[in-house]
Protein backbone atom coordinates (compact mmCIF):
# COMPACT_ATOMS: atom_id res chain seq x y z
CA UNK A 1 -13.38 22.20 -11.55
CA UNK A 2 -12.09 25.07 -9.44
CA UNK A 3 -11.56 22.72 -6.48
CA UNK A 4 -9.22 20.58 -8.61
CA UNK A 5 -7.17 23.65 -9.48
CA UNK A 6 -6.98 24.71 -5.84
CA UNK A 7 -5.93 21.25 -4.63
CA UNK A 8 -3.36 20.64 -7.38
CA UNK A 9 -0.39 22.42 -5.70
CA UNK A 10 -1.07 20.59 -2.44
CA UNK A 11 -1.26 17.21 -4.16
CA UNK A 12 1.90 17.81 -6.17
CA UNK A 13 3.84 18.87 -3.09
CA UNK A 14 2.66 15.87 -1.07
CA UNK A 15 3.33 13.33 -3.83
CA UNK A 16 6.69 14.65 -5.02
CA UNK A 17 9.46 12.07 -4.87
CA UNK A 18 12.84 11.54 -6.39
CA UNK A 19 13.04 9.74 -9.71
CA UNK A 20 13.62 6.02 -9.51
CA UNK A 21 15.24 3.88 -12.17
CA UNK A 22 13.99 0.53 -10.95
CA UNK A 23 12.96 -2.29 -13.28
CA UNK A 24 9.26 -1.57 -12.71
CA UNK A 25 7.93 1.98 -12.62
CA UNK A 26 4.30 3.10 -12.43
CA UNK A 27 2.78 6.53 -12.24
CA UNK A 28 -0.28 8.67 -12.68
CA UNK A 29 -0.92 12.19 -13.91
CA UNK A 30 -3.72 14.73 -13.70
CA UNK A 31 -3.77 17.77 -15.95
CA UNK A 32 -5.68 20.27 -18.03
CA UNK A 33 -5.73 20.82 -21.77
CA UNK A 34 -7.39 23.53 -23.80
CA UNK A 35 -7.36 24.40 -27.47
CA UNK A 36 -7.12 27.92 -28.81
CA UNK A 37 -10.51 27.49 -30.50
CA UNK A 38 -12.19 26.73 -27.13
CA UNK A 39 -10.36 29.45 -25.19
CA UNK A 40 -13.64 30.86 -23.85
CA UNK A 41 -14.78 27.49 -22.44
CA UNK A 42 -13.52 25.55 -19.43
CA UNK A 43 -10.41 23.43 -20.03
CA UNK A 44 -10.63 19.65 -20.43
CA UNK A 45 -9.36 17.40 -17.64
CA UNK A 46 -6.80 14.72 -18.47
CA UNK A 47 -6.22 11.60 -16.39
CA UNK A 48 -3.42 9.22 -17.29
CA UNK A 49 -1.49 6.25 -15.96
CA UNK A 50 1.71 4.65 -17.16
CA UNK A 51 3.80 1.61 -16.45
CA UNK A 52 7.39 0.95 -17.48
CA UNK A 53 9.20 -2.36 -17.34
CA UNK A 54 12.97 -2.44 -17.77
CA UNK A 55 14.21 -5.80 -18.99
CA UNK A 56 17.86 -4.92 -18.47
CA UNK A 57 20.00 -1.78 -18.51
CA UNK A 58 19.38 -1.28 -22.24
CA UNK A 59 15.80 -2.33 -23.01
CA UNK A 60 12.45 -1.14 -21.65
CA UNK A 61 8.76 -1.24 -22.55
CA UNK A 62 6.30 1.47 -21.53
CA UNK A 63 2.48 1.56 -21.69
CA UNK A 64 0.52 4.80 -21.27
CA UNK A 65 -3.26 5.13 -21.04
CA UNK A 66 -5.02 8.51 -21.02
CA UNK A 67 -8.60 9.69 -20.69
CA UNK A 68 -9.72 13.21 -21.54
CA UNK A 69 -12.94 14.43 -19.96
CA UNK A 70 -14.39 17.27 -21.99
CA UNK A 71 -16.55 20.06 -20.62
CA UNK A 72 -19.31 18.44 -22.67
CA UNK A 73 -20.16 15.35 -20.57
CA UNK A 74 -21.34 13.45 -23.64
CA UNK A 75 -17.81 13.15 -25.12
CA UNK A 76 -15.08 10.75 -24.00
CA UNK A 77 -11.62 10.56 -25.51
CA UNK A 78 -9.23 7.71 -24.72
CA UNK A 79 -5.66 7.22 -25.95
CA UNK A 80 -3.03 4.58 -25.46
CA UNK A 81 0.64 4.32 -26.33
CA UNK A 82 3.06 1.39 -26.29
CA UNK A 83 6.74 2.29 -26.50
CA UNK A 84 9.84 0.10 -26.79
CA UNK A 85 13.21 1.77 -26.05
CA UNK A 86 16.59 0.19 -26.82
CA UNK A 87 19.85 1.89 -25.78
CA UNK A 88 22.58 1.14 -28.30
CA UNK A 89 25.58 2.59 -26.51
CA UNK A 90 27.01 3.30 -23.11
CA UNK A 91 28.90 6.51 -23.83
CA UNK A 92 28.81 9.04 -21.00
CA UNK A 93 27.94 11.99 -23.26
CA UNK A 94 26.05 10.45 -26.18
CA UNK A 95 23.35 7.77 -25.99
CA UNK A 96 22.13 6.42 -29.35
CA UNK A 97 18.69 4.86 -29.05
CA UNK A 98 16.07 3.06 -31.09
CA UNK A 99 12.48 3.93 -30.21
CA UNK A 100 9.48 2.07 -31.61
CA UNK A 101 5.91 2.78 -30.70
CA UNK A 102 2.29 2.04 -31.37
CA UNK A 103 -0.66 4.21 -30.44
CA UNK A 104 -4.43 4.27 -30.59
CA UNK A 105 -7.18 6.70 -29.81
CA UNK A 106 -10.93 6.58 -29.64
CA UNK A 107 -13.65 9.13 -29.16
CA UNK A 108 -17.23 8.42 -28.30
CA UNK A 109 -20.34 10.40 -27.56
CA UNK A 110 -23.13 9.22 -25.30
């Protein structure tokens, strides 16, 4: 776990890129999460991927999948989110939107 923390700044610096607003966008993320109750234990590792498809300048669909690896190897947590975004206006200062989403999660122990 310590090696991941030591390598994280190097990986972030080497993978940093400018944001792109192309019709198809994909990405991945690596992170840590820890609850206040488990503050004395090691944090949990999160791995996630996402994909976004822009149909036109005003409509897009995004899918996110995440896996949380707990410090207890017997537990696996998986989540998924589907998001639809519709831009209703083209004002320079105000952008009204409609967002609709669907999510799921599952936890299992081995």
